[in-house]
Amino acid sequence: MPLFAAKSADMMAGEASSKKKGKIGRQESCKSSGKDDLDERPIAGASSTQDKTRTGIRVYKIVVLGDGGVGKSAVTLQFVSHSFLDYHDPTIEDSYQQQAVIDGEPALLDILDTAGQVEFTAMRDQYMRCGEGFLICYSVTDRHSFQEALEYKKLIQKVRASEDTPLVLVGNKFDLHAQRKVSTEEGKSLARQLGCPFYETSACLRTYVDDAFHTLVREIRRKEREKLGLHGGDRKANRHSKWWRLRSILALVFKRKKQNFNS
């Protein structure tokens, strides 16, 4: 697997738009705050026909994981607003949306930037259940954060044992050459172990930030097609699989919650 994909060209004006949705409560990351959100936000594990806005754009629920201080918020903010902050308050939970055209197909990325601090670890199971794809981040200047990246993968497997969840591994701060503690080869080796694409990014220089998010969307699409049996499988038989039944149950539960909310 190559270390870097070719860097994406600057997106044309009007191709992408971003909207910060603000901090949301710890217990509401999988919920909606109102009727409009209920209509537009995706259902974790729901079929692609349900994961769309009213305009028909597919919504991709993405979760950014990693230890505190690795630059998760900086990477996310560069992607959605093309800006870099030297200082950012430690995240509890921020949610953002970014629209993009990836491989000629429009997509709305619903991004959850999570807390890396130890005191917020109780929230992680909720993140794991909600996300369709995960960006696992570490800092190339912090070996402990690199070692913890594998633990995040194990946590995802623990919560979603029956799913092959799309992942992208990101080594941030690669512009800080003098402070590097984790080599590029070590990052590539871990990515092979995790079975996922790998990028070294710089939130400061905005290097390979778009590529990491866009590749994760591609991974979600690819694995979704595989699950739906579009590559030689029997789609009808797949509808009766345990995975399909689970998705149907989740959709039904969400529908009932919506009816209760509206009543």
Protein backbone atom coordinates (compact mmCIF):
# COMPACT_ATOMS: atom_id res chain seq x y z
CA MET A 1 0.00 0.00 0.00
CA PRO A 2 1.58 3.35 -0.92
CA LEU A 3 2.33 5.78 1.87
CA PHE A 4 0.71 8.74 0.24
CA ALA A 5 -1.96 9.12 -2.38
CA ALA A 6 -1.41 11.98 -4.78
CA LYS A 7 -2.32 15.16 -2.98
CA SER A 8 -5.81 16.31 -3.81
CA ALA A 9 -6.12 19.44 -5.92
CA ASP A 10 -7.59 22.45 -4.21
CA MET A 11 -11.33 22.09 -4.23
CA MET A 12 -13.18 24.41 -6.63
CA ALA A 13 -15.28 27.21 -5.22
CA GLY A 14 -18.71 25.95 -4.39
CA GLU A 15 -17.64 22.29 -4.36
CA ALA A 16 -17.37 22.16 -0.60
CA SER A 17 -19.09 24.01 2.20
CA SER A 18 -18.66 23.64 5.92
CA LYS A 19 -20.80 24.28 8.91
CA LYS A 20 -19.76 23.89 12.50
CA LYS A 21 -22.59 22.39 14.46
CA GLY A 22 -21.10 23.27 17.84
CA LYS A 23 -20.47 21.33 20.99
CA ILE A 24 -23.15 18.84 21.88
CA GLY A 25 -23.96 16.98 25.08
CA ARG A 26 -22.17 13.78 25.96
CA GLN A 27 -25.28 11.67 25.78
CA GLU A 28 -26.58 13.18 22.53
CA SER A 29 -23.90 12.21 20.02
CA CYS A 30 -26.15 9.50 18.57
CA LYS A 31 -29.34 11.50 18.99
CA SER A 32 -30.93 14.44 17.23
CA SER A 33 -31.82 17.76 18.81
CA GLY A 34 -34.89 18.45 16.68
CA LYS A 35 -37.22 17.39 13.89
CA ASP A 36 -35.04 18.69 11.07
CA ASP A 37 -32.00 16.83 12.41
CA LEU A 38 -34.02 13.67 12.72
CA ASP A 39 -34.83 13.90 9.04
CA GLU A 40 -31.24 14.52 7.94
CA ARG A 41 -28.79 12.81 10.29
CA PRO A 42 -27.70 9.28 9.38
CA ILE A 43 -28.57 6.16 11.31
CA ALA A 44 -25.54 4.17 12.39
CA GLY A 45 -25.60 0.95 10.45
CA ALA A 46 -28.66 1.95 8.44
CA SER A 47 -28.95 1.38 4.71
CA SER A 48 -27.58 3.95 2.28
CA THR A 49 -31.09 4.95 1.23
CA GLN A 50 -31.72 6.16 4.78
CA ASP A 51 -28.33 7.84 5.24
CA LYS A 52 -29.24 10.79 3.03
CA THR A 53 -30.33 14.38 3.44
CA ARG A 54 -33.57 15.55 1.93
CA THR A 55 -31.56 16.69 -1.11
CA GLY A 56 -30.40 13.11 -1.67
CA ILE A 57 -26.76 13.56 -0.61
CA ARG A 58 -25.31 10.55 1.19
CA VAL A 59 -24.26 11.32 4.78
CA TYR A 60 -21.14 9.63 6.15
CA LYS A 61 -20.80 9.43 9.92
CA ILE A 62 -17.09 9.76 10.71
CA VAL A 63 -15.45 9.60 14.13
CA VAL A 64 -11.97 11.00 14.83
CA LEU A 65 -10.17 9.08 17.58
CA GLY A 66 -6.79 9.45 19.27
CA ASP A 67 -5.01 10.53 22.43
CA GLY A 68 -5.26 14.08 23.71
CA GLY A 69 -2.86 16.52 22.08
CA VAL A 70 -2.24 14.61 18.83
CA GLY A 71 -4.03 17.28 16.79
CA LYS A 72 -7.42 15.67 16.11
CA SER A 73 -9.22 19.01 16.34
CA ALA A 74 -6.56 20.77 14.26
CA VAL A 75 -6.85 18.18 11.48
CA THR A 76 -10.65 18.34 11.58
CA LEU A 77 -10.74 22.15 11.53
CA GLN A 78 -8.32 22.26 8.61
CA PHE A 79 -10.60 19.95 6.68
CA VAL A 80 -13.85 21.79 7.37
CA SER A 81 -12.66 25.42 7.50
CA HIS A 82 -9.15 25.52 5.96
CA SER A 83 -7.79 27.15 9.12
CA PHE A 84 -5.20 26.26 11.75
CA LEU A 85 -5.33 27.29 15.39
CA ASP A 86 -2.14 27.31 17.47
CA TYR A 87 -4.25 26.64 20.55
CA HIS A 88 -7.55 24.81 20.84
CA ASP A 89 -9.48 24.08 24.04
CA PRO A 90 -9.37 20.35 24.93
CA THR A 91 -12.29 18.76 23.15
CA ILE A 92 -15.19 17.16 24.98
CA GLU A 93 -17.15 16.53 21.83
CA ASP A 94 -17.47 18.67 18.72
CA SER A 95 -19.52 17.92 15.65
CA TYR A 96 -18.95 19.35 12.18
CA GLN A 97 -20.33 18.90 8.69
CA GLN A 98 -18.41 19.22 5.43
CA GLN A 99 -19.75 18.70 1.94
CA ALA A 100 -17.40 17.42 -0.76
CA VAL A 101 -17.38 15.73 -4.13
CA ILE A 102 -15.36 12.51 -3.93
CA ASP A 103 -14.75 10.53 -7.12
CA GLY A 104 -17.51 12.51 -8.82
CA GLU A 105 -20.09 11.66 -6.16
CA PRO A 106 -21.34 14.26 -3.63
CA ALA A 107 -20.97 13.41 0.04
CA LEU A 108 -21.81 15.08 3.34
CA LEU A 109 -19.29 14.19 6.03
CA ASP A 110 -20.77 14.33 9.52
CA ILE A 111 -17.60 14.43 11.65
CA LEU A 112 -17.42 13.77 15.38
CA ASP A 113 -14.20 15.11 16.91
CA THR A 114 -13.85 13.19 20.17
CA ALA A 115 -12.05 13.69 23.46
CA GLY A 116 -8.67 12.07 23.97
CA GLN A 117 -8.39 12.91 27.65
CA VAL A 118 -8.57 10.02 30.11
CA GLU A 119 -11.54 11.50 31.98
CA PHE A 120 -13.74 11.10 28.90
CA THR A 121 -13.01 7.46 28.11
CA ALA A 122 -16.48 6.40 29.32
CA MET A 123 -17.94 8.11 26.24
CA ARG A 124 -16.02 6.00 23.74
CA ASP A 125 -18.41 3.06 23.45
CA GLN A 126 -21.05 5.51 22.29
CA TYR A 127 -18.70 6.92 19.65
CA MET A 128 -17.85 3.42 18.45
CA ARG A 129 -21.48 2.47 17.96
CA CYS A 130 -22.36 5.64 16.07
CA GLY A 131 -19.58 5.83 13.51
CA GLU A 132 -19.52 4.35 10.03
CA GLY A 133 -15.79 5.00 9.66
CA PHE A 134 -12.93 6.00 11.96
CA LEU A 135 -9.87 8.20 11.63
CA ILE A 136 -7.36 6.92 14.22
CA CYS A 137 -4.81 9.65 14.89
CA TYR A 138 -1.46 9.72 16.63
CA SER A 139 1.34 12.28 16.71
CA VAL A 140 4.69 11.40 15.15
CA THR A 141 6.23 13.40 18.02
CA ASP A 142 4.58 11.25 20.71
CA ARG A 143 5.40 7.54 20.86
CA HIS A 144 2.77 6.84 23.51
CA SER A 145 0.02 8.15 21.24
CA PHE A 146 1.35 5.84 18.51
CA GLN A 147 1.17 2.84 20.84
CA GLU A 148 -2.37 3.80 21.83
CA ALA A 149 -3.53 3.77 18.19
CA LEU A 150 -3.62 -0.02 18.28
CA GLU A 151 -5.68 0.12 21.48
CA TYR A 152 -8.30 2.24 19.71
CA LYS A 153 -8.57 -0.42 17.03
CA LYS A 154 -9.09 -3.04 19.75
CA LEU A 155 -11.80 -0.91 21.35
CA ILE A 156 -13.63 -0.65 18.02
CA GLN A 157 -13.40 -4.42 17.58
CA LYS A 158 -14.73 -4.96 21.09
CA VAL A 159 -17.82 -2.83 20.51
CA ARG A 160 -18.40 -3.91 16.91
CA ALA A 161 -17.03 -7.44 16.89
CA SER A 162 -19.15 -8.62 13.95
CA GLU A 163 -18.23 -5.74 11.61
CA ASP A 164 -15.27 -4.98 9.40
CA THR A 165 -15.22 -1.29 10.21
CA PRO A 166 -13.57 1.17 7.76
CA LEU A 167 -10.45 2.81 9.19
CA VAL A 168 -7.71 5.24 8.16
CA LEU A 169 -4.56 5.63 10.26
CA VAL A 170 -3.20 9.19 10.50
CA GLY A 171 0.21 10.21 11.83
CA ASN A 172 -0.10 13.95 12.44
CA LYS A 173 2.56 16.66 12.93
CA PHE A 174 4.99 15.22 10.39
CA ASP A 175 6.24 18.78 9.74
CA LEU A 176 7.93 18.77 13.18
CA HIS A 177 10.98 16.88 11.93
CA ALA A 178 13.27 17.71 14.86
CA GLN A 179 10.73 16.36 17.36
CA ARG A 180 9.83 13.15 15.52
CA LYS A 181 9.68 10.05 17.73
CA VAL A 182 7.82 7.67 15.38
CA SER A 183 9.27 6.81 11.97
CA THR A 184 7.27 6.65 8.76
CA GLU A 185 8.10 2.95 8.42
CA GLU A 186 6.63 2.26 11.85
CA GLY A 187 3.42 4.00 10.79
CA LYS A 188 3.24 1.97 7.58
CA SER A 189 3.84 -1.24 9.53
CA LEU A 190 1.02 -0.45 11.96
CA ALA A 191 -1.32 0.37 9.07
CA ARG A 192 -0.57 -3.04 7.54
CA GLN A 193 -1.33 -4.63 10.90
CA LEU A 194 -4.65 -2.75 11.09
CA GLY A 195 -5.40 -3.47 7.44
CA CYS A 196 -6.12 0.15 6.55
CA PRO A 197 -4.76 3.10 4.52
CA PHE A 198 -2.15 5.34 6.14
CA TYR A 199 -1.29 9.03 5.85
CA GLU A 200 1.18 11.26 7.61
CA THR A 201 -0.45 14.67 7.83
CA SER A 202 0.39 18.19 8.88
CA ALA A 203 -2.57 20.15 10.20
CA CYS A 204 -0.36 23.24 10.27
CA LEU A 205 0.58 22.98 6.57
CA ARG A 206 -2.70 21.30 5.56
CA THR A 207 -0.79 18.43 3.99
CA TYR A 208 -2.74 15.26 3.13
CA VAL A 209 -5.63 16.31 5.38
CA ASP A 210 -8.24 16.11 2.61
CA ASP A 211 -6.75 12.84 1.39
CA ALA A 212 -7.23 11.17 4.76
CA PHE A 213 -10.92 12.08 5.02
CA HIS A 214 -11.67 11.35 1.36
CA THR A 215 -9.96 7.96 1.57
CA LEU A 216 -12.08 7.07 4.60
CA VAL A 217 -15.23 7.84 2.61
CA ARG A 218 -13.92 5.60 -0.18
CA GLU A 219 -13.32 2.83 2.36
CA ILE A 220 -16.89 3.19 3.67
CA ARG A 221 -18.26 3.00 0.14
CA ARG A 222 -16.12 -0.01 -0.76
CA LYS A 223 -17.06 -2.01 2.32
CA GLU A 224 -20.69 -1.04 1.96
CA ARG A 225 -20.70 -2.40 -1.59
CA GLU A 226 -19.10 -5.60 -0.36
CA LYS A 227 -21.71 -6.00 2.36
CA LEU A 228 -24.50 -5.45 -0.12
CA GLY A 229 -23.08 -8.19 -2.31
CA LEU A 230 -22.52 -6.01 -5.36
CA HIS A 231 -19.26 -7.76 -6.20
CA GLY A 232 -20.44 -11.20 -7.26
CA GLY A 233 -22.37 -11.98 -4.10
CA ASP A 234 -26.00 -12.90 -3.72
CA ARG A 235 -27.71 -9.66 -2.69
CA LYS A 236 -31.01 -11.38 -1.95
CA ALA A 237 -29.33 -13.84 0.39
CA ASN A 238 -27.44 -11.00 2.01
CA ARG A 239 -30.72 -9.32 2.91
CA HIS A 240 -31.41 -12.23 5.24
CA SER A 241 -28.02 -12.17 6.88
CA LYS A 242 -27.51 -11.33 10.52
CA TRP A 243 -25.97 -8.02 9.49
CA TRP A 244 -29.01 -7.01 7.43
CA ARG A 245 -31.42 -7.93 10.25
CA LEU A 246 -29.38 -5.86 12.70
CA ARG A 247 -29.55 -2.83 10.42
CA SER A 248 -33.31 -3.26 10.10
CA ILE A 249 -33.72 -3.42 13.87
CA LEU A 250 -31.66 -0.24 14.34
CA ALA A 251 -33.76 1.55 11.72
CA LEU A 252 -36.98 0.43 13.45
CA VAL A 253 -35.76 1.59 16.86
CA PHE A 254 -34.79 4.97 15.44
CA LYS A 255 -38.18 5.32 13.75
CA ARG A 256 -39.99 4.64 17.03
CA LYS A 257 -37.83 7.17 18.86
CA LYS A 258 -38.66 9.72 16.19
CA GLN A 259 -42.40 9.03 16.56
CA ASN A 260 -42.15 9.37 20.35
CA PHE A 261 -40.21 12.62 19.97
CA ASN A 262 -42.77 14.10 17.59
CA SER A 263 -45.66 13.07 19.84
